[in-house]
N, C-alpha and C. Protein backbone atom coordinates (compact mmCIF):
# COMPACT_ATOMS: atom_id res chain seq x y z
N MET A 1 141.57 91.49 95.20
CA MET A 1 143.07 89.97 95.31
C MET A 1 142.87 89.60 96.85
N GLY A 2 143.15 88.10 96.82
CA GLY A 2 142.69 87.48 98.29
C GLY A 2 144.07 88.14 98.93
N LYS A 3 144.33 88.26 100.45
CA LYS A 3 145.41 88.32 101.28
C LYS A 3 146.42 87.00 101.29
N PRO A 4 147.27 87.81 100.74
CA PRO A 4 148.77 86.89 100.96
C PRO A 4 148.95 85.35 101.80
N ARG A 5 148.58 84.89 101.05
CA ARG A 5 149.64 83.13 101.43
C ARG A 5 150.87 83.16 102.42
N LYS A 6 149.95 82.88 103.90
CA LYS A 6 150.77 82.38 105.31
C LYS A 6 151.72 81.02 105.02
N PHE A 7 152.74 80.85 104.92
CA PHE A 7 153.15 80.05 105.40
C PHE A 7 153.39 79.47 106.72
N PRO A 8 153.30 78.18 107.76
CA PRO A 8 153.21 78.45 109.13
C PRO A 8 154.64 78.03 109.42
N LYS A 9 154.85 78.59 110.50
CA LYS A 9 157.04 78.17 110.68
C LYS A 9 156.72 76.94 110.66
N SER A 10 157.83 75.60 109.39
CA SER A 10 157.71 73.99 110.16
C SER A 10 159.43 74.37 110.66
N ARG A 11 159.26 73.44 111.58
CA ARG A 11 160.99 73.02 111.86
C ARG A 11 161.82 71.59 111.66
N TYR A 12 162.94 71.54 111.08
CA TYR A 12 163.61 70.66 110.94
C TYR A 12 164.65 70.57 111.21
N SER A 13 165.12 69.23 112.29
CA SER A 13 166.29 68.76 112.94
C SER A 13 167.54 68.33 111.78
N THR A 14 168.39 69.38 112.89
CA THR A 14 169.62 69.19 111.98
C THR A 14 169.93 68.53 111.94
N ASP A 15 169.97 67.31 113.24
CA ASP A 15 169.95 66.04 113.02
C ASP A 15 169.94 64.24 111.76
N MET A 16 168.98 65.12 111.57
CA MET A 16 168.74 64.81 110.25
C MET A 16 169.31 64.69 108.83
N LEU A 17 170.26 66.41 108.16
CA LEU A 17 170.58 66.90 108.18
C LEU A 17 172.25 65.15 108.02
N ILE A 18 172.86 65.39 109.56
CA ILE A 18 174.06 64.93 109.59
C ILE A 18 174.27 63.43 109.68
N ALA A 19 173.00 62.92 109.00
CA ALA A 19 173.06 61.31 109.38
C ALA A 19 172.49 60.97 107.79
N ARG A 20 172.04 62.19 107.27
CA ARG A 20 172.65 62.09 105.42
C ARG A 20 173.83 61.61 105.22
N PHE A 21 174.16 62.59 105.80
CA PHE A 21 176.29 62.69 105.63
C PHE A 21 177.42 62.54 106.37
N PRO A 22 177.04 60.92 107.16
CA PRO A 22 177.68 60.21 107.39
C PRO A 22 178.91 60.50 107.37
N HIS A 23 179.30 61.17 105.83
CA HIS A 23 180.40 60.59 106.02
C HIS A 23 181.60 61.91 105.87
N LEU A 24 180.85 63.67 105.77
CA LEU A 24 181.48 64.22 106.26
C LEU A 24 181.84 65.13 107.03
N THR A 25 182.77 66.07 107.58
CA THR A 25 183.13 66.88 108.56
C THR A 25 182.75 67.65 108.75
N PRO A 26 182.13 68.42 109.91
CA PRO A 26 182.09 69.43 110.52
C PRO A 26 182.30 70.78 109.34
N THR A 27 183.91 70.18 109.17
CA THR A 27 184.64 71.85 108.68
C THR A 27 184.16 71.79 107.15
N VAL A 28 184.30 70.11 105.88
CA VAL A 28 183.44 70.06 105.00
C VAL A 28 182.05 70.44 104.84
N LEU A 29 181.07 69.82 106.55
CA LEU A 29 179.45 70.68 105.91
C LEU A 29 179.58 71.92 106.03
N ALA A 30 180.41 72.42 107.02
CA ALA A 30 180.03 74.08 106.96
C ALA A 30 181.04 75.39 105.70
N ASP A 31 181.93 74.49 105.14
CA ASP A 31 182.30 74.30 103.39
C ASP A 31 180.93 74.46 102.53
N ARG A 32 180.63 73.73 102.57
CA ARG A 32 179.18 73.15 101.56
C ARG A 32 178.06 74.39 101.91
N LEU A 33 177.75 74.08 103.33
CA LEU A 33 176.90 74.30 103.43
C LEU A 33 177.16 76.40 103.93
N GLY A 34 177.64 76.66 103.20
CA GLY A 34 178.47 78.93 103.35
C GLY A 34 178.17 79.01 104.49
N LEU A 35 178.34 78.29 105.76
CA LEU A 35 178.43 78.84 107.37
C LEU A 35 179.45 78.30 108.29
N ASP A 36 179.79 79.21 109.38
CA ASP A 36 180.41 78.70 109.68
C ASP A 36 181.46 77.99 110.52
N LYS A 37 182.68 77.53 110.87
CA LYS A 37 182.67 75.92 111.41
C LYS A 37 182.23 75.64 112.78
N SER A 38 182.72 76.82 113.62
CA SER A 38 181.88 76.71 114.85
C SER A 38 179.83 76.49 114.29
N ALA A 39 179.04 76.61 114.25
CA ALA A 39 178.29 77.16 114.11
C ALA A 39 177.69 75.70 114.07
N VAL A 40 178.17 74.57 112.68
CA VAL A 40 177.80 73.27 112.01
C VAL A 40 178.71 72.68 113.30
N GLN A 41 179.92 72.69 113.97
CA GLN A 41 180.56 72.04 115.28
C GLN A 41 179.45 71.51 115.75
N GLN A 42 178.19 72.83 116.59
CA GLN A 42 177.74 72.43 117.45
C GLN A 42 176.26 71.30 117.15
N TRP A 43 176.62 71.30 116.05
CA TRP A 43 175.09 70.74 115.50
C TRP A 43 175.03 69.03 116.02
N PHE A 44 177.04 68.98 116.10
CA PHE A 44 177.02 67.50 116.44
C PHE A 44 177.32 66.99 117.41
N GLY A 45 177.27 67.74 118.07
CA GLY A 45 177.39 68.05 119.93
C GLY A 45 175.26 67.78 120.95
N GLU A 46 174.46 68.37 119.84
CA GLU A 46 172.67 68.05 119.78
C GLU A 46 172.12 68.60 119.13
N ALA A 47 171.28 68.22 118.38
CA ALA A 47 170.56 69.15 117.63
C ALA A 47 169.42 70.64 117.36
N HIS A 48 170.31 71.06 116.46
CA HIS A 48 169.21 72.66 116.60
C HIS A 48 168.26 72.49 115.42
N TRP A 49 168.15 73.31 115.45
CA TRP A 49 166.11 73.24 114.35
C TRP A 49 166.73 74.47 113.02
N LEU A 50 166.20 74.10 112.50
CA LEU A 50 166.27 74.29 110.78
C LEU A 50 164.82 75.19 110.45
N ASP A 51 164.50 76.66 110.08
CA ASP A 51 163.09 76.74 109.50
C ASP A 51 162.92 75.97 108.70
N GLN A 52 161.71 76.20 107.54
CA GLN A 52 162.19 75.18 106.01
C GLN A 52 162.67 76.31 105.30
N TRP A 53 162.87 77.52 105.51
CA TRP A 53 163.88 78.04 104.16
C TRP A 53 165.46 77.87 104.66
N GLN A 54 165.96 77.66 105.97
CA GLN A 54 167.32 77.17 106.02
C GLN A 54 167.31 76.15 105.81
N ALA A 55 166.33 75.21 105.47
CA ALA A 55 166.13 73.02 105.51
C ALA A 55 166.55 73.36 104.28
N ASP A 56 165.74 74.05 103.35
CA ASP A 56 165.67 73.71 102.03
C ASP A 56 166.83 74.47 101.42
N ARG A 57 167.67 75.45 101.53
CA ARG A 57 168.96 75.79 101.40
C ARG A 57 169.46 75.39 101.41
N TYR A 58 170.51 74.76 102.63
CA TYR A 58 170.60 73.98 102.43
C TYR A 58 170.61 72.49 102.18
N ALA A 59 169.80 71.76 101.89
CA ALA A 59 169.40 70.48 101.20
C ALA A 59 169.71 70.60 99.84
N THR A 60 169.70 71.51 99.11
CA THR A 60 169.82 72.09 98.09
C THR A 60 171.38 72.88 97.46
N ARG A 61 172.02 72.92 99.10
CA ARG A 61 173.19 73.47 98.40
C ARG A 61 174.42 72.11 98.80
N LEU A 62 173.87 70.92 99.01
CA LEU A 62 174.46 69.75 99.59
C LEU A 62 173.64 68.81 97.83
N GLY A 63 172.94 69.09 96.98
CA GLY A 63 172.30 68.66 95.67
C GLY A 63 171.06 67.73 96.22
N LEU A 64 170.72 67.87 97.31
CA LEU A 64 168.91 67.43 97.38
C LEU A 64 168.27 68.10 97.36
N HIS A 65 166.85 67.30 97.02
CA HIS A 65 165.66 68.18 98.02
C HIS A 65 165.33 67.68 98.72
N PRO A 66 164.62 68.87 99.91
CA PRO A 66 164.92 68.81 101.30
C PRO A 66 163.67 67.08 101.61
N ALA A 67 163.64 66.93 100.67
CA ALA A 67 162.25 65.53 100.74
C ALA A 67 163.08 64.31 101.61
N GLN A 68 164.32 64.63 100.35
CA GLN A 68 165.21 63.43 100.56
C GLN A 68 166.71 63.62 101.75
N VAL A 69 166.44 64.48 103.06
CA VAL A 69 166.83 64.32 104.21
C VAL A 69 165.90 64.22 104.93
N TRP A 70 164.62 65.26 104.89
CA TRP A 70 163.81 65.33 106.49
C TRP A 70 162.24 64.61 105.04
N ALA A 71 161.70 63.15 105.54
CA ALA A 71 160.89 62.60 105.39
C ALA A 71 159.84 63.54 105.15
N ASP A 72 159.03 63.98 106.03
CA ASP A 72 157.69 64.77 106.54
C ASP A 72 157.84 66.56 105.95
N TRP A 73 158.87 66.41 104.51
CA TRP A 73 159.16 67.71 103.74
C TRP A 73 157.34 68.24 103.22
N PHE A 74 156.81 67.60 102.73
CA PHE A 74 155.04 67.78 101.79
C PHE A 74 153.97 67.63 103.22
N GLU A 75 154.70 67.61 104.57
CA GLU A 75 153.10 67.22 105.09
C GLU A 75 152.40 68.38 105.44
N ILE A 76 151.52 68.51 105.42
CA ILE A 76 150.51 69.86 105.14
C ILE A 76 150.14 70.56 106.92
N HIS A 77 150.59 72.01 107.25
CA HIS A 77 150.80 72.00 108.69
C HIS A 77 149.41 72.40 109.06
N LYS A 78 148.84 72.34 110.38
CA LYS A 78 147.81 73.43 110.60
C LYS A 78 148.52 74.78 110.76
N VAL A 79 147.09 75.54 110.89
CA VAL A 79 147.96 76.48 111.11
C VAL A 79 146.16 77.29 112.46
N SER A 80 146.57 77.34 113.91
CA SER A 80 146.02 77.33 114.56
C SER A 80 145.81 78.97 113.78
N ALA A 81 144.14 79.00 114.22
CA ALA A 81 143.59 80.57 114.57
C ALA A 81 143.72 81.23 115.87
């Protein structure tokens, strides 16, 4: 068997998630994402970054594929040696 595949860590801006759902308040968004309201409220002040696992989980909790939120979802990232 070969080595387990390692995925490079990608980062996705919370700004894109907020922009996709402009009608949702921080309270409603936090509830739908299963997060604390204060954490989501911070996203409205300045962008925060999500790793690919968080981005996937939050997009699907909102009924979307992550590529519908982040256009670069399928870009292949090179791993530096």
